Amino acid sequence: CTGKILGSSFVRLGNDAVDVSGSSIEIVEMTVKGAGDKGISAGENSRVTARKIQIEDADMGVASKDMSRVTLYDPVILRSRIGLTVFQKKPEFGPGFIHVHGDQISDTEFPFLVETGSRLRRGSQEISANIADIDAKLYPPEKGEQDGR
């Protein structure tokens, strides 16, 4: 699908706030507080542009996977396990990509997780890959068992 999400709030979610596959969306002025999984999840060759977003207390702030491209302007991600992550989950797709401009990411265990082959640009700086196989970090066995994976 193609669309916009404007002026939205998501509070105390058991899973993802925004989860798109094969879509092109724009997000403006969104707040996420307490996502059990991701604030924004882009997969399967999606295109996401987000401005003025704040994500607090999520497992993952923003994830781009499987040939998706996410562009973020001035995101705020607070008290989350992972800030931004890019990876390939499905073999029929390629790596993910995020380009972030002017972020504020704090109080996270992993501000950036970049799987080998995927790309994360922070302004003009390329963030180097820091993990070869991301599945174990994103979906530890105890979490997968709870979620029925």
C-alpha atoms as a PDB file:
ATOM      1  CA  CYS A   1       0.000   0.000   0.000  1.00  0.00           C
ATOM      2  CA  THR A   2       0.911   3.662  -0.212  1.00  0.00           C
ATOM      3  CA  GLY A   3      -0.078   6.139   2.476  1.00  0.00           C
ATOM      4  CA  LYS A   4       0.634   8.493   5.345  1.00  0.00           C
ATOM      5  CA  ILE A   5       0.441   8.209   9.116  1.00  0.00           C
ATOM      6  CA  LEU A   6       0.032  11.669  10.620  1.00  0.00           C
ATOM      7  CA  GLY A   7      -0.154  12.826  14.252  1.00  0.00           C
ATOM      8  CA  SER A   8      -0.477   9.368  15.827  1.00  0.00           C
ATOM      9  CA  SER A   9       0.215   7.914  19.263  1.00  0.00           C
ATOM     10  CA  PHE A  10       0.655   4.273  20.234  1.00  0.00           C
ATOM     11  CA  VAL A  11       0.775   3.365  23.937  1.00  0.00           C
ATOM     12  CA  ARG A  12       1.519   0.060  25.733  1.00  0.00           C
ATOM     13  CA  LEU A  13       1.561  -2.282  22.741  1.00  0.00           C
ATOM     14  CA  GLY A  14       2.250  -5.989  22.911  1.00  0.00           C
ATOM     15  CA  ASN A  15       3.979  -5.926  19.528  1.00  0.00           C
ATOM     16  CA  ASP A  16       4.924  -3.447  16.739  1.00  0.00           C
ATOM     17  CA  ALA A  17       3.423   0.049  16.500  1.00  0.00           C
ATOM     18  CA  VAL A  18       3.844   0.384  12.700  1.00  0.00           C
ATOM     19  CA  ASP A  19       4.648  -2.731  10.671  1.00  0.00           C
ATOM     20  CA  VAL A  20       4.745  -2.470   6.860  1.00  0.00           C
ATOM     21  CA  SER A  21       5.609  -4.960   4.139  1.00  0.00           C
ATOM     22  CA  GLY A  22       5.894  -4.138   0.452  1.00  0.00           C
ATOM     23  CA  SER A  23       4.610  -0.624   1.139  1.00  0.00           C
ATOM     24  CA  SER A  24       5.573   3.009   0.714  1.00  0.00           C
ATOM     25  CA  ILE A  25       4.584   5.245   3.630  1.00  0.00           C
ATOM     26  CA  GLU A  26       5.342   8.596   5.196  1.00  0.00           C
ATOM     27  CA  ILE A  27       5.103   9.046   8.969  1.00  0.00           C
ATOM     28  CA  VAL A  28       4.895  12.523  10.521  1.00  0.00           C
ATOM     29  CA  GLU A  29       4.559  13.365  14.238  1.00  0.00           C
ATOM     30  CA  MET A  30       4.256   9.929  15.807  1.00  0.00           C
ATOM     31  CA  THR A  31       4.791   8.914  19.426  1.00  0.00           C
ATOM     32  CA  VAL A  32       5.267   5.323  20.575  1.00  0.00           C
ATOM     33  CA  LYS A  33       5.425   4.528  24.295  1.00  0.00           C
ATOM     34  CA  GLY A  34       5.898   0.946  25.414  1.00  0.00           C
ATOM     35  CA  ALA A  35       6.086  -1.224  22.268  1.00  0.00           C
ATOM     36  CA  GLY A  36       6.664  -4.887  23.080  1.00  0.00           C
ATOM     37  CA  ASP A  37       8.612  -5.269  19.844  1.00  0.00           C
ATOM     38  CA  LYS A  38       9.350  -2.496  17.290  1.00  0.00           C
ATOM     39  CA  GLY A  39       8.298   1.142  17.046  1.00  0.00           C
ATOM     40  CA  ILE A  40       8.615   0.975  13.242  1.00  0.00           C
ATOM     41  CA  SER A  41       9.226  -2.201  11.267  1.00  0.00           C
ATOM     42  CA  ALA A  42       9.785  -2.030   7.494  1.00  0.00           C
ATOM     43  CA  GLY A  43      10.071  -5.259   5.517  1.00  0.00           C
ATOM     44  CA  GLU A  44       9.827  -6.835   2.090  1.00  0.00           C
ATOM     45  CA  ASN A  45      11.067  -3.951  -0.055  1.00  0.00           C
ATOM     46  CA  SER A  46       9.186  -1.178   1.758  1.00  0.00           C
ATOM     47  CA  ARG A  47       9.983   2.536   1.614  1.00  0.00           C
ATOM     48  CA  VAL A  48       9.437   4.544   4.807  1.00  0.00           C
ATOM     49  CA  THR A  49      10.142   8.221   5.476  1.00  0.00           C
ATOM     50  CA  ALA A  50       9.570   9.422   9.046  1.00  0.00           C
ATOM     51  CA  ARG A  51       9.749  12.911  10.568  1.00  0.00           C
ATOM     52  CA  LYS A  52       9.212  14.031  14.154  1.00  0.00           C
ATOM     53  CA  ILE A  53       8.942  10.584  15.716  1.00  0.00           C
ATOM     54  CA  GLN A  54       9.582   9.669  19.336  1.00  0.00           C
ATOM     55  CA  ILE A  55       9.861   6.064  20.466  1.00  0.00           C
ATOM     56  CA  GLU A  56      10.215   5.222  24.163  1.00  0.00           C
ATOM     57  CA  ASP A  57      10.479   1.927  26.035  1.00  0.00           C
ATOM     58  CA  ALA A  58      10.429  -0.350  22.981  1.00  0.00           C
ATOM     59  CA  ASP A  59      12.360  -3.531  22.393  1.00  0.00           C
ATOM     60  CA  MET A  60      13.573  -2.046  19.076  1.00  0.00           C
ATOM     61  CA  GLY A  61      13.105   1.529  17.911  1.00  0.00           C
ATOM     62  CA  VAL A  62      13.265   1.162  14.110  1.00  0.00           C
ATOM     63  CA  ALA A  63      14.044  -1.925  12.018  1.00  0.00           C
ATOM     64  CA  SER A  64      14.631  -2.064   8.267  1.00  0.00           C
ATOM     65  CA  LYS A  65      14.872  -5.526   6.788  1.00  0.00           C
ATOM     66  CA  ASP A  66      14.601  -7.414   3.526  1.00  0.00           C
ATOM     67  CA  MET A  67      15.482  -4.730   0.951  1.00  0.00           C
ATOM     68  CA  SER A  68      13.551  -1.997   2.764  1.00  0.00           C
ATOM     69  CA  ARG A  69      14.790   1.600   2.822  1.00  0.00           C
ATOM     70  CA  VAL A  70      13.982   3.822   5.804  1.00  0.00           C
ATOM     71  CA  THR A  71      14.819   7.524   5.997  1.00  0.00           C
ATOM     72  CA  LEU A  72      14.497   9.194   9.410  1.00  0.00           C
ATOM     73  CA  TYR A  73      14.660  12.906  10.216  1.00  0.00           C
ATOM     74  CA  ASP A  74      15.431  13.864  13.836  1.00  0.00           C
ATOM     75  CA  PRO A  75      14.080  10.712  15.516  1.00  0.00           C
ATOM     76  CA  VAL A  76      14.149  10.434  19.305  1.00  0.00           C
ATOM     77  CA  ILE A  77      14.563   6.888  20.662  1.00  0.00           C
ATOM     78  CA  LEU A  78      14.754   6.503  24.438  1.00  0.00           C
ATOM     79  CA  ARG A  79      15.055   3.608  26.904  1.00  0.00           C
ATOM     80  CA  SER A  80      14.871   0.888  24.275  1.00  0.00           C
ATOM     81  CA  ARG A  81      16.961  -2.277  23.996  1.00  0.00           C
ATOM     82  CA  ILE A  82      17.938  -1.518  20.373  1.00  0.00           C
ATOM     83  CA  GLY A  83      17.805   1.917  18.717  1.00  0.00           C
ATOM     84  CA  LEU A  84      18.150   1.246  14.975  1.00  0.00           C
ATOM     85  CA  THR A  85      18.712  -2.090  13.266  1.00  0.00           C
ATOM     86  CA  VAL A  86      19.180  -3.225   9.658  1.00  0.00           C
ATOM     87  CA  PHE A  87      19.280  -6.825   8.479  1.00  0.00           C
ATOM     88  CA  GLN A  88      18.062  -9.506   6.107  1.00  0.00           C
ATOM     89  CA  LYS A  89      15.521 -11.923   7.555  1.00  0.00           C
ATOM     90  CA  LYS A  90      14.123 -13.701   4.488  1.00  0.00           C
ATOM     91  CA  PRO A  91      16.431 -15.366   1.946  1.00  0.00           C
ATOM     92  CA  GLU A  92      14.349 -14.221  -1.039  1.00  0.00           C
ATOM     93  CA  PHE A  93      15.089 -10.579  -0.191  1.00  0.00           C
ATOM     94  CA  GLY A  94      18.290  -8.597   0.264  1.00  0.00           C
ATOM     95  CA  PRO A  95      19.715  -6.497   3.111  1.00  0.00           C
ATOM     96  CA  GLY A  96      18.050  -3.511   4.781  1.00  0.00           C
ATOM     97  CA  PHE A  97      19.037   0.162   4.743  1.00  0.00           C
ATOM     98  CA  ILE A  98      18.460   3.131   7.092  1.00  0.00           C
ATOM     99  CA  HIS A  99      19.582   6.719   6.557  1.00  0.00           C
ATOM    100  CA  VAL A 100      19.104   8.802   9.688  1.00  0.00           C
ATOM    101  CA  HIS A 101      19.566  12.567   9.949  1.00  0.00           C
ATOM    102  CA  GLY A 102      19.996  14.233  13.372  1.00  0.00           C
ATOM    103  CA  ASP A 103      19.040  11.429  15.750  1.00  0.00           C
ATOM    104  CA  GLN A 104      18.776  11.446  19.530  1.00  0.00           C
ATOM    105  CA  ILE A 105      19.224   7.880  20.764  1.00  0.00           C
ATOM    106  CA  SER A 106      19.868   7.354  24.456  1.00  0.00           C
ATOM    107  CA  ASP A 107      19.649   4.780  27.219  1.00  0.00           C
ATOM    108  CA  THR A 108      19.778   1.829  24.804  1.00  0.00           C
ATOM    109  CA  GLU A 109      21.708  -1.408  25.159  1.00  0.00           C
ATOM    110  CA  PHE A 110      22.548  -1.356  21.423  1.00  0.00           C
ATOM    111  CA  PRO A 111      22.125   2.051  19.729  1.00  0.00           C
ATOM    112  CA  PHE A 112      22.869   0.475  16.307  1.00  0.00           C
ATOM    113  CA  LEU A 113      22.820  -3.146  15.156  1.00  0.00           C
ATOM    114  CA  VAL A 114      24.024  -3.510  11.583  1.00  0.00           C
ATOM    115  CA  GLU A 115      24.136  -6.978  10.075  1.00  0.00           C
ATOM    116  CA  THR A 116      26.890  -7.708   7.570  1.00  0.00           C
ATOM    117  CA  GLY A 117      25.620  -6.713   4.119  1.00  0.00           C
ATOM    118  CA  SER A 118      23.035  -4.211   5.378  1.00  0.00           C
ATOM    119  CA  ARG A 119      23.720  -0.485   5.633  1.00  0.00           C
ATOM    120  CA  LEU A 120      23.134   2.279   8.164  1.00  0.00           C
ATOM    121  CA  ARG A 121      24.081   5.883   7.411  1.00  0.00           C
ATOM    122  CA  ARG A 122      24.059   8.442  10.194  1.00  0.00           C
ATOM    123  CA  GLY A 123      24.204  11.787   8.412  1.00  0.00           C
ATOM    124  CA  SER A 124      27.214  11.418   6.109  1.00  0.00           C
ATOM    125  CA  GLN A 125      28.814   8.680   8.253  1.00  0.00           C
ATOM    126  CA  GLU A 126      28.480   5.004   7.371  1.00  0.00           C
ATOM    127  CA  ILE A 127      28.040   2.865  10.516  1.00  0.00           C
ATOM    128  CA  SER A 128      30.078  -0.325  10.128  1.00  0.00           C
ATOM    129  CA  ALA A 129      28.477  -3.746  10.365  1.00  0.00           C
ATOM    130  CA  ASN A 130      28.775  -4.970  13.937  1.00  0.00           C
ATOM    131  CA  ILE A 131      27.071  -8.377  13.804  1.00  0.00           C
ATOM    132  CA  ALA A 132      27.257 -11.250  11.324  1.00  0.00           C
ATOM    133  CA  ASP A 133      24.088 -13.183  12.238  1.00  0.00           C
ATOM    134  CA  ILE A 134      21.522 -10.981  13.879  1.00  0.00           C
ATOM    135  CA  ASP A 135      18.780 -13.544  14.649  1.00  0.00           C
ATOM    136  CA  ALA A 136      20.193 -14.614  18.032  1.00  0.00           C
ATOM    137  CA  LYS A 137      20.473 -10.983  19.197  1.00  0.00           C
ATOM    138  CA  LEU A 138      17.029  -9.875  17.956  1.00  0.00           C
ATOM    139  CA  TYR A 139      15.125 -13.001  18.851  1.00  0.00           C
ATOM    140  CA  PRO A 140      16.785 -14.703  21.823  1.00  0.00           C
ATOM    141  CA  PRO A 141      15.401 -18.201  22.570  1.00  0.00           C
ATOM    142  CA  GLU A 142      13.521 -17.093  25.693  1.00  0.00           C
ATOM    143  CA  LYS A 143      11.733 -14.299  23.747  1.00  0.00           C
ATOM    144  CA  GLY A 144      10.894 -16.607  20.824  1.00  0.00           C
ATOM    145  CA  GLU A 145       9.385 -19.169  23.164  1.00  0.00           C
ATOM    146  CA  GLN A 146       7.110 -16.525  24.703  1.00  0.00           C
ATOM    147  CA  ASP A 147       6.060 -15.198  21.299  1.00  0.00           C
ATOM    148  CA  GLY A 148       5.428 -18.655  19.840  1.00  0.00           C
ATOM    149  CA  ARG A 149       8.168 -18.358  17.192  1.00  0.00           C
END
